Amino acid sequence: MREVRIALIAGLALLVAGIGVALARSPMSVARTNGTPSREEAIAFTTHGATYCQSDELLPQGTSAIRLSFFAFAGPRLRVVVYAGGRSVTSGESGSGWTSRVVTVPVKPLARAVSGATVCASFQMRDEELTVFGKFTSRPSAARNGREVLSGRMWIEYLRPGTRSWASLVPTILSNMTFGRASSGPGIVVLALLLLAAVAILSSRLVLRELR
């Protein structure tokens, strides 16, 4: 009984500590984008492996993730490498199984801004189709897959940690969560969180009571 109580208390303490660590971190923010998602067009389709490269990109200082507008029902493992001056300046990988209109690849943070860079995204796939979205452009400025020239440039976002922590954003998040509700104000959200805390406490007491 004592061991169960200790394990339960330790679990709750770890949960609270985990929430505290998460709130202390800063969410990713868009440092720069080279397009507008609402105005995207499909510039390439493939059912095989490919390496799409796009030149003349500007990466802001502190870039730690690159978001590409790729669509697939079960996306493949994706590797991104950024070249500048004939060498790799940063790279990263994203696991397979992503299912959305965009895929975010974490990369080694850049200590300084990099201009005139080439961003290359590589992947291997079978029995699946991947669509690349971007903006139609002339051939000289379009992205490439080896010698193949795409219909335009890929849409890319460059992300880096924001300047504010999740904890500092809580009031704004609570305010936004009340939009469209019959009861306005952050009080309704605080009440919901208190109810969740009460459920956790009562569940823990019930577990301890049943083990007596």
N, C-alpha and C. Protein backbone atom coordinates (compact mmCIF):
# COMPACT_ATOMS: atom_id res chain seq x y z
N MET A 1 0.83 -1.21 0.00
CA MET A 1 0.00 0.00 0.00
C MET A 1 0.87 1.26 0.00
N ARG A 2 1.89 1.23 0.83
CA ARG A 2 2.78 2.40 0.90
C ARG A 2 3.47 2.62 -0.44
N GLU A 3 3.90 1.50 -1.07
CA GLU A 3 4.60 1.61 -2.35
C GLU A 3 3.69 2.21 -3.42
N VAL A 4 2.42 1.81 -3.41
CA VAL A 4 1.46 2.34 -4.39
C VAL A 4 1.25 3.83 -4.17
N ARG A 5 1.15 4.23 -2.91
CA ARG A 5 0.95 5.65 -2.61
C ARG A 5 2.14 6.48 -3.07
N ILE A 6 3.36 5.95 -2.82
CA ILE A 6 4.56 6.67 -3.25
C ILE A 6 4.61 6.78 -4.77
N ALA A 7 4.27 5.66 -5.45
CA ALA A 7 4.28 5.68 -6.91
C ALA A 7 3.27 6.66 -7.47
N LEU A 8 2.10 6.73 -6.83
CA LEU A 8 1.05 7.65 -7.29
C LEU A 8 1.48 9.10 -7.10
N ILE A 9 2.05 9.40 -5.93
CA ILE A 9 2.51 10.76 -5.65
C ILE A 9 3.64 11.15 -6.60
N ALA A 10 4.56 10.21 -6.82
CA ALA A 10 5.68 10.48 -7.72
C ALA A 10 5.18 10.73 -9.14
N GLY A 11 4.19 9.96 -9.58
CA GLY A 11 3.64 10.16 -10.91
C GLY A 11 3.00 11.52 -11.08
N LEU A 12 2.22 11.92 -10.07
CA LEU A 12 1.59 13.25 -10.12
C LEU A 12 2.63 14.36 -10.09
N ALA A 13 3.70 14.15 -9.28
CA ALA A 13 4.76 15.17 -9.20
C ALA A 13 5.48 15.30 -10.54
N LEU A 14 5.73 14.17 -11.19
CA LEU A 14 6.39 14.21 -12.50
C LEU A 14 5.49 14.88 -13.53
N LEU A 15 4.20 14.65 -13.42
CA LEU A 15 3.27 15.30 -14.35
C LEU A 15 3.29 16.81 -14.19
N VAL A 16 3.25 17.26 -12.94
CA VAL A 16 3.30 18.70 -12.67
C VAL A 16 4.63 19.29 -13.15
N ALA A 17 5.74 18.57 -12.89
CA ALA A 17 7.05 19.05 -13.32
C ALA A 17 7.13 19.13 -14.84
N GLY A 18 6.56 18.13 -15.51
CA GLY A 18 6.56 18.14 -16.97
C GLY A 18 5.78 19.31 -17.53
N ILE A 19 4.65 19.62 -16.92
CA ILE A 19 3.86 20.77 -17.36
C ILE A 19 4.64 22.06 -17.15
N GLY A 20 5.35 22.15 -16.00
CA GLY A 20 6.15 23.34 -15.73
C GLY A 20 7.26 23.53 -16.74
N VAL A 21 7.95 22.45 -17.10
CA VAL A 21 9.02 22.53 -18.09
C VAL A 21 8.47 22.96 -19.45
N ALA A 22 7.31 22.38 -19.81
CA ALA A 22 6.70 22.73 -21.10
C ALA A 22 6.30 24.21 -21.14
N LEU A 23 5.76 24.71 -20.04
CA LEU A 23 5.34 26.11 -20.01
C LEU A 23 6.53 27.07 -20.03
N ALA A 24 7.68 26.61 -19.58
CA ALA A 24 8.87 27.46 -19.57
C ALA A 24 9.50 27.58 -20.95
N ARG A 25 9.17 26.67 -21.84
CA ARG A 25 9.76 26.70 -23.17
C ARG A 25 9.03 27.69 -24.06
N SER A 26 9.68 28.09 -25.15
CA SER A 26 9.09 29.04 -26.10
C SER A 26 8.57 28.30 -27.32
N PRO A 27 7.38 28.62 -27.79
CA PRO A 27 6.87 28.00 -29.00
C PRO A 27 7.62 28.49 -30.23
N MET A 28 7.61 27.70 -31.28
CA MET A 28 8.26 28.11 -32.52
C MET A 28 7.46 29.22 -33.19
N SER A 29 8.16 30.14 -33.81
CA SER A 29 7.52 31.23 -34.52
C SER A 29 8.10 31.32 -35.93
N VAL A 30 7.34 31.88 -36.85
CA VAL A 30 7.79 32.01 -38.23
C VAL A 30 8.72 33.21 -38.33
N ALA A 31 9.99 32.95 -38.64
CA ALA A 31 10.97 34.03 -38.80
C ALA A 31 10.91 34.62 -40.20
N ARG A 32 10.57 33.78 -41.17
CA ARG A 32 10.49 34.25 -42.55
C ARG A 32 9.75 33.24 -43.39
N THR A 33 9.03 33.71 -44.38
CA THR A 33 8.37 32.83 -45.34
C THR A 33 8.59 33.38 -46.74
N ASN A 34 8.62 32.49 -47.71
CA ASN A 34 8.83 32.95 -49.09
C ASN A 34 7.56 32.91 -49.93
N GLY A 35 6.41 32.78 -49.26
CA GLY A 35 5.15 32.73 -50.00
C GLY A 35 3.95 32.85 -49.09
N THR A 36 2.78 32.76 -49.70
CA THR A 36 1.52 32.81 -48.97
C THR A 36 0.77 31.51 -49.19
N PRO A 37 0.52 30.72 -48.12
CA PRO A 37 -0.12 29.42 -48.29
C PRO A 37 -1.45 29.47 -49.02
N SER A 38 -2.23 30.53 -48.82
CA SER A 38 -3.56 30.61 -49.44
C SER A 38 -3.49 30.79 -50.94
N ARG A 39 -2.31 31.13 -51.46
CA ARG A 39 -2.15 31.35 -52.90
C ARG A 39 -1.25 30.31 -53.54
N GLU A 40 -1.18 29.15 -52.93
CA GLU A 40 -0.31 28.10 -53.44
C GLU A 40 -0.92 27.37 -54.63
N GLU A 41 -0.05 26.87 -55.47
CA GLU A 41 -0.45 25.99 -56.56
C GLU A 41 0.40 24.73 -56.49
N ALA A 42 -0.13 23.65 -57.02
CA ALA A 42 0.62 22.39 -57.08
C ALA A 42 1.66 22.51 -58.19
N ILE A 43 2.93 22.43 -57.83
CA ILE A 43 3.99 22.61 -58.82
C ILE A 43 4.70 21.30 -59.17
N ALA A 44 4.39 20.21 -58.45
CA ALA A 44 5.02 18.92 -58.77
C ALA A 44 4.25 17.79 -58.11
N PHE A 45 4.28 16.63 -58.74
CA PHE A 45 3.73 15.40 -58.21
C PHE A 45 4.75 14.29 -58.40
N THR A 46 4.81 13.35 -57.47
CA THR A 46 5.71 12.22 -57.64
C THR A 46 5.22 11.02 -56.85
N THR A 47 5.53 9.83 -57.35
CA THR A 47 5.25 8.59 -56.63
C THR A 47 6.55 7.84 -56.36
N HIS A 48 7.67 8.49 -56.59
CA HIS A 48 8.99 7.89 -56.40
C HIS A 48 9.85 8.80 -55.52
N GLY A 49 11.04 8.34 -55.24
CA GLY A 49 11.97 9.17 -54.50
C GLY A 49 12.39 10.39 -55.31
N ALA A 50 12.76 11.45 -54.61
CA ALA A 50 13.14 12.68 -55.29
C ALA A 50 14.01 13.52 -54.36
N THR A 51 14.73 14.46 -54.97
CA THR A 51 15.48 15.46 -54.22
C THR A 51 15.16 16.81 -54.84
N TYR A 52 14.29 17.55 -54.18
CA TYR A 52 13.87 18.86 -54.68
C TYR A 52 14.79 19.93 -54.08
N CYS A 53 15.42 20.70 -54.94
CA CYS A 53 16.34 21.74 -54.50
C CYS A 53 15.89 23.11 -54.99
N GLN A 54 15.99 24.09 -54.12
CA GLN A 54 15.58 25.45 -54.45
C GLN A 54 16.68 26.42 -54.03
N SER A 55 17.15 27.22 -54.98
CA SER A 55 18.25 28.14 -54.73
C SER A 55 17.74 29.52 -54.37
N ASP A 56 18.69 30.42 -54.06
CA ASP A 56 18.41 31.82 -53.75
C ASP A 56 17.45 31.99 -52.57
N GLU A 57 17.66 31.17 -51.53
CA GLU A 57 16.84 31.29 -50.32
C GLU A 57 17.61 32.05 -49.25
N LEU A 58 16.88 32.77 -48.41
CA LEU A 58 17.44 33.53 -47.30
C LEU A 58 16.95 32.93 -45.99
N LEU A 59 17.88 32.42 -45.18
CA LEU A 59 17.54 31.82 -43.90
C LEU A 59 17.90 32.79 -42.78
N PRO A 60 16.93 33.16 -41.95
CA PRO A 60 17.21 34.09 -40.84
C PRO A 60 18.11 33.45 -39.78
N GLN A 61 18.76 34.28 -39.02
CA GLN A 61 19.56 33.81 -37.90
C GLN A 61 18.67 33.10 -36.89
N GLY A 62 19.16 32.00 -36.35
CA GLY A 62 18.41 31.25 -35.36
C GLY A 62 17.45 30.24 -35.93
N THR A 63 17.37 30.12 -37.26
CA THR A 63 16.47 29.13 -37.86
C THR A 63 16.76 27.75 -37.30
N SER A 64 15.75 27.10 -36.73
CA SER A 64 15.94 25.77 -36.14
C SER A 64 14.95 24.74 -36.67
N ALA A 65 14.11 25.15 -37.62
CA ALA A 65 13.20 24.22 -38.28
C ALA A 65 12.78 24.81 -39.62
N ILE A 66 12.55 23.94 -40.58
CA ILE A 66 12.13 24.36 -41.92
C ILE A 66 10.82 23.65 -42.24
N ARG A 67 9.83 24.43 -42.62
CA ARG A 67 8.50 23.89 -42.92
C ARG A 67 8.27 23.96 -44.43
N LEU A 68 7.95 22.79 -45.02
CA LEU A 68 7.72 22.68 -46.45
C LEU A 68 6.27 22.35 -46.72
N SER A 69 5.74 22.88 -47.82
CA SER A 69 4.35 22.62 -48.18
C SER A 69 4.28 21.38 -49.06
N PHE A 70 4.40 20.21 -48.44
CA PHE A 70 4.28 18.92 -49.10
C PHE A 70 3.00 18.26 -48.59
N PHE A 71 2.30 17.55 -49.48
CA PHE A 71 1.11 16.82 -49.05
C PHE A 71 1.25 15.36 -49.42
N ALA A 72 0.91 14.47 -48.45
CA ALA A 72 0.86 13.03 -48.70
C ALA A 72 -0.05 12.42 -47.64
N PHE A 73 -0.72 11.31 -47.99
CA PHE A 73 -1.60 10.66 -47.02
C PHE A 73 -0.79 9.98 -45.92
N ALA A 74 0.37 9.46 -46.28
CA ALA A 74 1.30 8.90 -45.29
C ALA A 74 2.69 9.29 -45.74
N GLY A 75 3.14 10.46 -45.30
CA GLY A 75 4.38 11.04 -45.78
C GLY A 75 5.61 10.20 -45.49
N PRO A 76 6.61 10.23 -46.38
CA PRO A 76 7.85 9.47 -46.19
C PRO A 76 8.81 10.18 -45.25
N ARG A 77 9.83 9.46 -44.86
CA ARG A 77 10.92 10.08 -44.09
C ARG A 77 11.57 11.14 -44.96
N LEU A 78 11.79 12.31 -44.38
CA LEU A 78 12.25 13.46 -45.16
C LEU A 78 13.55 14.00 -44.57
N ARG A 79 14.50 14.26 -45.45
CA ARG A 79 15.77 14.86 -45.03
C ARG A 79 15.96 16.19 -45.74
N VAL A 80 16.32 17.21 -44.98
CA VAL A 80 16.54 18.54 -45.53
C VAL A 80 17.99 18.94 -45.29
N VAL A 81 18.64 19.42 -46.34
CA VAL A 81 20.02 19.91 -46.25
C VAL A 81 20.06 21.30 -46.88
N VAL A 82 20.72 22.23 -46.21
CA VAL A 82 20.87 23.59 -46.72
C VAL A 82 22.33 23.81 -47.09
N TYR A 83 22.54 24.25 -48.33
CA TYR A 83 23.89 24.49 -48.82
C TYR A 83 24.11 25.98 -49.04
N ALA A 84 25.33 26.43 -48.77
CA ALA A 84 25.71 27.81 -49.04
C ALA A 84 27.22 27.84 -49.24
N GLY A 85 27.65 28.51 -50.30
CA GLY A 85 29.08 28.58 -50.57
C GLY A 85 29.70 27.22 -50.86
N GLY A 86 28.92 26.31 -51.43
CA GLY A 86 29.44 25.00 -51.79
C GLY A 86 29.55 24.01 -50.65
N ARG A 87 29.00 24.32 -49.48
CA ARG A 87 29.05 23.39 -48.35
C ARG A 87 27.73 23.38 -47.59
N SER A 88 27.53 22.32 -46.81
CA SER A 88 26.32 22.20 -46.01
C SER A 88 26.44 23.07 -44.76
N VAL A 89 25.42 23.89 -44.52
CA VAL A 89 25.45 24.77 -43.35
C VAL A 89 24.50 24.28 -42.25
N THR A 90 23.53 23.50 -42.60
CA THR A 90 22.64 22.89 -41.61
C THR A 90 21.85 21.78 -42.27
N SER A 91 21.30 20.88 -41.46
CA SER A 91 20.52 19.76 -41.99
C SER A 91 19.67 19.18 -40.88
N GLY A 92 18.73 18.31 -41.28
CA GLY A 92 17.86 17.66 -40.31
C GLY A 92 16.96 16.66 -40.98
N GLU A 93 16.26 15.86 -40.18
CA GLU A 93 15.36 14.83 -40.70
C GLU A 93 14.03 14.85 -39.96
N SER A 94 13.01 14.41 -40.69
CA SER A 94 11.67 14.24 -40.10
C SER A 94 11.23 12.81 -40.36
N GLY A 95 10.63 12.18 -39.37
CA GLY A 95 10.20 10.79 -39.51
C GLY A 95 9.04 10.63 -40.48
N SER A 96 8.77 9.41 -40.86
CA SER A 96 7.69 9.11 -41.79
C SER A 96 6.35 9.10 -41.07
N GLY A 97 5.29 9.04 -41.85
CA GLY A 97 3.95 8.93 -41.29
C GLY A 97 3.22 10.23 -41.09
N TRP A 98 3.81 11.37 -41.47
CA TRP A 98 3.12 12.65 -41.33
C TRP A 98 1.97 12.73 -42.34
N THR A 99 0.89 13.31 -41.92
CA THR A 99 -0.31 13.37 -42.76
C THR A 99 -0.90 14.77 -42.69
N SER A 100 -0.36 15.67 -43.47
CA SER A 100 -0.90 17.02 -43.47
C SER A 100 -0.46 17.73 -44.73
N ARG A 101 -0.84 18.99 -44.84
CA ARG A 101 -0.47 19.80 -45.99
C ARG A 101 0.95 20.36 -45.86
N VAL A 102 1.51 20.30 -44.67
CA VAL A 102 2.87 20.78 -44.45
C VAL A 102 3.62 19.78 -43.59
N VAL A 103 4.95 19.81 -43.71
CA VAL A 103 5.80 18.98 -42.87
C VAL A 103 6.92 19.85 -42.35
N THR A 104 7.18 19.76 -41.04
CA THR A 104 8.21 20.57 -40.39
C THR A 104 9.40 19.70 -40.05
N VAL A 105 10.57 20.13 -40.49
CA VAL A 105 11.81 19.37 -40.29
C VAL A 105 12.73 20.17 -39.36
N PRO A 106 13.04 19.66 -38.17
CA PRO A 106 13.99 20.36 -37.29
C PRO A 106 15.39 20.29 -37.87
N VAL A 107 16.14 21.38 -37.78
CA VAL A 107 17.52 21.43 -38.27
C VAL A 107 18.41 22.03 -37.19
N LYS A 108 19.71 21.88 -37.38
CA LYS A 108 20.66 22.48 -36.45
C LYS A 108 20.53 24.00 -36.53
N PRO A 109 20.31 24.68 -35.39
CA PRO A 109 20.10 26.14 -35.41
C PRO A 109 21.25 26.88 -36.07
N LEU A 110 20.90 27.90 -36.82
CA LEU A 110 21.90 28.71 -37.51
C LEU A 110 22.39 29.84 -36.61
N ALA A 111 23.70 29.97 -36.49
CA ALA A 111 24.27 31.01 -35.65
C ALA A 111 24.17 32.38 -36.31
N ARG A 112 24.02 32.40 -37.63
CA ARG A 112 23.91 33.67 -38.35
C ARG A 112 22.98 33.49 -39.54
N ALA A 113 22.53 34.59 -40.11
CA ALA A 113 21.68 34.53 -41.30
C ALA A 113 22.50 34.03 -42.49
N VAL A 114 21.83 33.31 -43.39
CA VAL A 114 22.49 32.78 -44.57
C VAL A 114 21.69 33.20 -45.80
N SER A 115 22.35 33.88 -46.72
CA SER A 115 21.69 34.31 -47.96
C SER A 115 22.24 33.52 -49.14
N GLY A 116 21.48 33.52 -50.23
CA GLY A 116 21.90 32.79 -51.42
C GLY A 116 22.03 31.30 -51.19
N ALA A 117 21.22 30.76 -50.28
CA ALA A 117 21.33 29.34 -49.93
C ALA A 117 20.46 28.48 -50.84
N THR A 118 20.80 27.20 -50.90
CA THR A 118 20.01 26.21 -51.64
C THR A 118 19.44 25.22 -50.64
N VAL A 119 18.13 25.08 -50.62
CA VAL A 119 17.44 24.16 -49.71
C VAL A 119 17.04 22.92 -50.49
N CYS A 120 17.49 21.75 -50.04
CA CYS A 120 17.19 20.50 -50.72
C CYS A 120 16.42 19.57 -49.78
N ALA A 121 15.33 19.01 -50.27
CA ALA A 121 14.51 18.06 -49.51
C ALA A 121 14.52 16.72 -50.25
N SER A 122 14.97 15.66 -49.57
CA SER A 122 15.12 14.35 -50.19
C SER A 122 14.24 13.32 -49.48
N PHE A 123 13.72 12.37 -50.25
CA PHE A 123 12.89 11.31 -49.68
C PHE A 123 12.82 10.14 -50.65
N GLN A 124 12.44 8.98 -50.12
CA GLN A 124 12.20 7.78 -50.91
C GLN A 124 10.80 7.29 -50.61
N MET A 125 10.07 6.82 -51.63
CA MET A 125 8.71 6.35 -51.41
C MET A 125 8.28 5.39 -52.51
N ARG A 126 7.24 4.59 -52.19
CA ARG A 126 6.64 3.67 -53.15
C ARG A 126 5.14 3.62 -52.90
N ASP A 127 4.36 3.42 -53.96
CA ASP A 127 2.91 3.24 -53.86
C ASP A 127 2.24 4.38 -53.10
N GLU A 128 2.73 5.56 -53.25
CA GLU A 128 2.16 6.74 -52.60
C GLU A 128 2.46 7.94 -53.47
N GLU A 129 1.60 8.96 -53.38
CA GLU A 129 1.83 10.17 -54.17
C GLU A 129 2.11 11.34 -53.24
N LEU A 130 3.08 12.13 -53.60
CA LEU A 130 3.41 13.33 -52.84
C LEU A 130 3.25 14.53 -53.75
N THR A 131 2.60 15.57 -53.24
CA THR A 131 2.37 16.80 -53.99
C THR A 131 3.18 17.93 -53.38
N VAL A 132 3.83 18.68 -54.23
CA VAL A 132 4.61 19.84 -53.80
C VAL A 132 3.84 21.10 -54.16
N PHE A 133 3.69 21.99 -53.19
CA PHE A 133 2.96 23.23 -53.43
C PHE A 133 3.91 24.42 -53.40
N GLY A 134 3.57 25.42 -54.18
CA GLY A 134 4.40 26.62 -54.24
C GLY A 134 3.77 27.65 -55.15
N LYS A 135 4.61 28.34 -55.90
CA LYS A 135 4.14 29.41 -56.78
C LYS A 135 4.78 29.24 -58.16
N PHE A 136 3.94 29.32 -59.19
CA PHE A 136 4.45 29.21 -60.56
C PHE A 136 5.43 30.35 -60.84
N THR A 137 6.57 30.00 -61.44
CA THR A 137 7.58 30.99 -61.79
C THR A 137 8.22 30.61 -63.12
N SER A 138 9.13 31.45 -63.58
CA SER A 138 9.88 31.14 -64.79
C SER A 138 10.88 30.03 -64.51
N ARG A 139 11.37 29.37 -65.53
CA ARG A 139 12.28 28.24 -65.38
C ARG A 139 13.58 28.59 -64.63
N PRO A 140 14.21 29.73 -64.91
CA PRO A 140 15.48 30.01 -64.22
C PRO A 140 15.38 30.07 -62.70
N SER A 141 14.25 30.48 -62.15
CA SER A 141 14.12 30.62 -60.70
C SER A 141 13.35 29.47 -60.06
N ALA A 142 12.90 28.50 -60.86
CA ALA A 142 12.10 27.39 -60.34
C ALA A 142 12.95 26.38 -59.59
N ALA A 143 12.32 25.59 -58.73
CA ALA A 143 13.00 24.51 -58.02
C ALA A 143 13.30 23.38 -59.01
N ARG A 144 14.21 22.49 -58.62
CA ARG A 144 14.62 21.41 -59.52
C ARG A 144 14.67 20.08 -58.79
N ASN A 145 14.49 19.02 -59.56
CA ASN A 145 14.69 17.65 -59.10
C ASN A 145 15.74 17.05 -60.03
N GLY A 146 17.01 17.23 -59.67
CA GLY A 146 18.08 16.86 -60.60
C GLY A 146 18.05 17.78 -61.81
N ARG A 147 17.92 17.19 -62.98
CA ARG A 147 17.84 17.99 -64.20
C ARG A 147 16.41 18.42 -64.52
N GLU A 148 15.46 17.84 -63.82
CA GLU A 148 14.04 18.20 -64.05
C GLU A 148 13.73 19.55 -63.41
N VAL A 149 13.13 20.43 -64.17
CA VAL A 149 12.74 21.74 -63.66
C VAL A 149 11.26 21.71 -63.27
N LEU A 150 10.95 22.10 -62.05
CA LEU A 150 9.57 22.12 -61.59
C LEU A 150 8.83 23.31 -62.19
N SER A 151 7.53 23.37 -61.92
CA SER A 151 6.71 24.45 -62.48
C SER A 151 6.87 25.77 -61.74
N GLY A 152 7.52 25.75 -60.61
CA GLY A 152 7.68 26.98 -59.84
C GLY A 152 8.56 26.77 -58.63
N ARG A 153 8.48 27.69 -57.69
CA ARG A 153 9.27 27.63 -56.47
C ARG A 153 8.45 27.05 -55.33
N MET A 154 9.11 26.24 -54.49
CA MET A 154 8.44 25.64 -53.34
C MET A 154 8.14 26.69 -52.28
N TRP A 155 7.03 26.51 -51.59
CA TRP A 155 6.71 27.38 -50.46
C TRP A 155 7.44 26.86 -49.23
N ILE A 156 8.22 27.73 -48.58
CA ILE A 156 9.02 27.34 -47.42
C ILE A 156 8.86 28.37 -46.31
N GLU A 157 8.75 27.88 -45.08
CA GLU A 157 8.77 28.75 -43.90
C GLU A 157 9.99 28.39 -43.05
N TYR A 158 10.60 29.42 -42.49
CA TYR A 158 11.75 29.22 -41.61
C TYR A 158 11.33 29.58 -40.19
N LEU A 159 11.51 28.62 -39.28
CA LEU A 159 11.03 28.77 -37.91
C LEU A 159 12.20 28.87 -36.93
N ARG A 160 11.95 29.58 -35.84
CA ARG A 160 12.91 29.67 -34.74
C ARG A 160 12.13 29.87 -33.45
N PRO A 161 12.75 29.61 -32.30
CA PRO A 161 12.04 29.78 -31.02
C PRO A 161 11.59 31.22 -30.83
N GLY A 162 10.40 31.39 -30.30
CA GLY A 162 9.88 32.72 -30.06
C GLY A 162 10.56 33.38 -28.87
N THR A 163 10.23 34.62 -28.64
CA THR A 163 10.84 35.38 -27.54
C THR A 163 10.03 35.27 -26.24
N ARG A 164 8.84 34.68 -26.33
CA ARG A 164 7.99 34.55 -25.15
C ARG A 164 7.75 33.07 -24.85
N SER A 165 7.65 32.74 -23.57
CA SER A 165 7.40 31.36 -23.17
C SER A 165 5.91 31.05 -23.27
N TRP A 166 5.59 29.74 -23.22
CA TRP A 166 4.18 29.35 -23.20
C TRP A 166 3.47 29.94 -21.98
N ALA A 167 4.19 30.02 -20.85
CA ALA A 167 3.57 30.55 -19.63
C ALA A 167 3.11 31.99 -19.83
N SER A 168 3.94 32.80 -20.52
CA SER A 168 3.57 34.20 -20.74
C SER A 168 2.42 34.34 -21.73
N LEU A 169 2.19 33.28 -22.52
CA LEU A 169 1.12 33.32 -23.51
C LEU A 169 -0.21 32.78 -22.98
N VAL A 170 -0.18 32.25 -21.75
CA VAL A 170 -1.41 31.65 -21.19
C VAL A 170 -2.60 32.61 -21.20
N PRO A 171 -2.45 33.89 -20.74
CA PRO A 171 -3.62 34.79 -20.78
C PRO A 171 -4.20 34.96 -22.18
N THR A 172 -3.34 35.07 -23.18
CA THR A 172 -3.82 35.22 -24.56
C THR A 172 -4.52 33.96 -25.02
N ILE A 173 -3.96 32.80 -24.67
CA ILE A 173 -4.57 31.52 -25.07
C ILE A 173 -5.93 31.36 -24.42
N LEU A 174 -6.02 31.67 -23.13
CA LEU A 174 -7.30 31.56 -22.43
C LEU A 174 -8.34 32.50 -23.04
N SER A 175 -7.92 33.70 -23.40
CA SER A 175 -8.85 34.65 -24.02
C SER A 175 -9.35 34.15 -25.36
N ASN A 176 -8.43 33.57 -26.16
CA ASN A 176 -8.83 33.07 -27.48
C ASN A 176 -9.74 31.85 -27.37
N MET A 177 -9.55 31.06 -26.32
CA MET A 177 -10.37 29.87 -26.15
C MET A 177 -11.82 30.20 -25.85
N THR A 178 -12.10 31.42 -25.42
CA THR A 178 -13.49 31.79 -25.07
C THR A 178 -14.23 32.40 -26.25
N PHE A 179 -13.55 32.64 -27.38
CA PHE A 179 -14.24 33.23 -28.53
C PHE A 179 -15.34 32.30 -29.01
N GLY A 180 -16.49 32.86 -29.26
CA GLY A 180 -17.61 32.08 -29.78
C GLY A 180 -18.38 31.31 -28.72
N ARG A 181 -18.04 31.50 -27.45
CA ARG A 181 -18.73 30.79 -26.37
C ARG A 181 -19.84 31.67 -25.81
N ALA A 182 -20.84 31.02 -25.24
CA ALA A 182 -21.95 31.76 -24.64
C ALA A 182 -21.47 32.55 -23.43
N SER A 183 -20.55 31.92 -22.66
CA SER A 183 -19.99 32.60 -21.50
C SER A 183 -18.62 33.15 -21.88
N SER A 184 -18.45 34.44 -21.82
CA SER A 184 -17.19 35.05 -22.22
C SER A 184 -16.27 35.20 -21.03
N GLY A 185 -15.01 35.50 -21.32
CA GLY A 185 -14.01 35.69 -20.28
C GLY A 185 -13.24 34.43 -19.99
N PRO A 186 -11.99 34.57 -19.49
CA PRO A 186 -11.15 33.41 -19.21
C PRO A 186 -11.62 32.59 -18.03
N GLY A 187 -12.58 33.11 -17.26
CA GLY A 187 -13.05 32.37 -16.09
C GLY A 187 -13.60 31.00 -16.42
N ILE A 188 -14.28 30.87 -17.57
CA ILE A 188 -14.87 29.59 -17.95
C ILE A 188 -13.79 28.56 -18.22
N VAL A 189 -12.64 29.01 -18.78
CA VAL A 189 -11.54 28.10 -19.05
C VAL A 189 -10.87 27.68 -17.75
N VAL A 190 -10.66 28.64 -16.84
CA VAL A 190 -10.07 28.32 -15.54
C VAL A 190 -10.94 27.31 -14.80
N LEU A 191 -12.27 27.49 -14.88
CA LEU A 191 -13.19 26.55 -14.24
C LEU A 191 -13.02 25.14 -14.81
N ALA A 192 -12.87 25.05 -16.13
CA ALA A 192 -12.67 23.74 -16.75
C ALA A 192 -11.37 23.09 -16.28
N LEU A 193 -10.30 23.87 -16.13
CA LEU A 193 -9.04 23.34 -15.65
C LEU A 193 -9.13 22.88 -14.20
N LEU A 194 -9.86 23.65 -13.39
CA LEU A 194 -10.06 23.25 -12.00
C LEU A 194 -10.86 21.95 -11.90
N LEU A 195 -11.83 21.79 -12.77
CA LEU A 195 -12.61 20.55 -12.79
C LEU A 195 -11.73 19.36 -13.16
N LEU A 196 -10.82 19.56 -14.12
CA LEU A 196 -9.90 18.49 -14.49
C LEU A 196 -8.99 18.13 -13.32
N ALA A 197 -8.51 19.14 -12.60
CA ALA A 197 -7.67 18.89 -11.43
C ALA A 197 -8.44 18.13 -10.36
N ALA A 198 -9.71 18.50 -10.17
CA ALA A 198 -10.55 17.81 -9.19
C ALA A 198 -10.75 16.35 -9.56
N VAL A 199 -10.95 16.09 -10.84
CA VAL A 199 -11.12 14.71 -11.30
C VAL A 199 -9.86 13.90 -11.02
N ALA A 200 -8.68 14.49 -11.26
CA ALA A 200 -7.42 13.79 -11.00
C ALA A 200 -7.27 13.46 -9.52
N ILE A 201 -7.60 14.42 -8.66
CA ILE A 201 -7.48 14.20 -7.21
C ILE A 201 -8.45 13.13 -6.73
N LEU A 202 -9.69 13.23 -7.16
CA LEU A 202 -10.69 12.24 -6.74
C LEU A 202 -10.36 10.85 -7.26
N SER A 203 -9.84 10.76 -8.48
CA SER A 203 -9.46 9.45 -9.03
C SER A 203 -8.32 8.84 -8.23
N SER A 204 -7.36 9.67 -7.83
CA SER A 204 -6.25 9.17 -7.03
C SER A 204 -6.73 8.66 -5.68
N ARG A 205 -7.63 9.41 -5.05
CA ARG A 205 -8.18 8.96 -3.76
C ARG A 205 -8.95 7.67 -3.90
N LEU A 206 -9.67 7.52 -5.01
CA LEU A 206 -10.45 6.29 -5.22
C LEU A 206 -9.51 5.09 -5.40
N VAL A 207 -8.42 5.30 -6.11
CA VAL A 207 -7.46 4.21 -6.29
C VAL A 207 -6.87 3.78 -4.96
N LEU A 208 -6.50 4.75 -4.14
CA LEU A 208 -5.92 4.43 -2.83
C LEU A 208 -6.95 3.73 -1.93
N ARG A 209 -8.19 4.14 -2.01
CA ARG A 209 -9.24 3.53 -1.18
C ARG A 209 -9.47 2.07 -1.59
N GLU A 210 -9.48 1.80 -2.92
CA GLU A 210 -9.74 0.44 -3.39
C GLU A 210 -8.60 -0.50 -3.05
N LEU A 211 -7.38 0.04 -2.84
CA LEU A 211 -6.24 -0.82 -2.56
C LEU A 211 -6.08 -1.11 -1.07
N ARG A 212 -6.91 -0.51 -0.25
CA ARG A 212 -6.80 -0.77 1.19
C ARG A 212 -7.28 -2.19 1.52
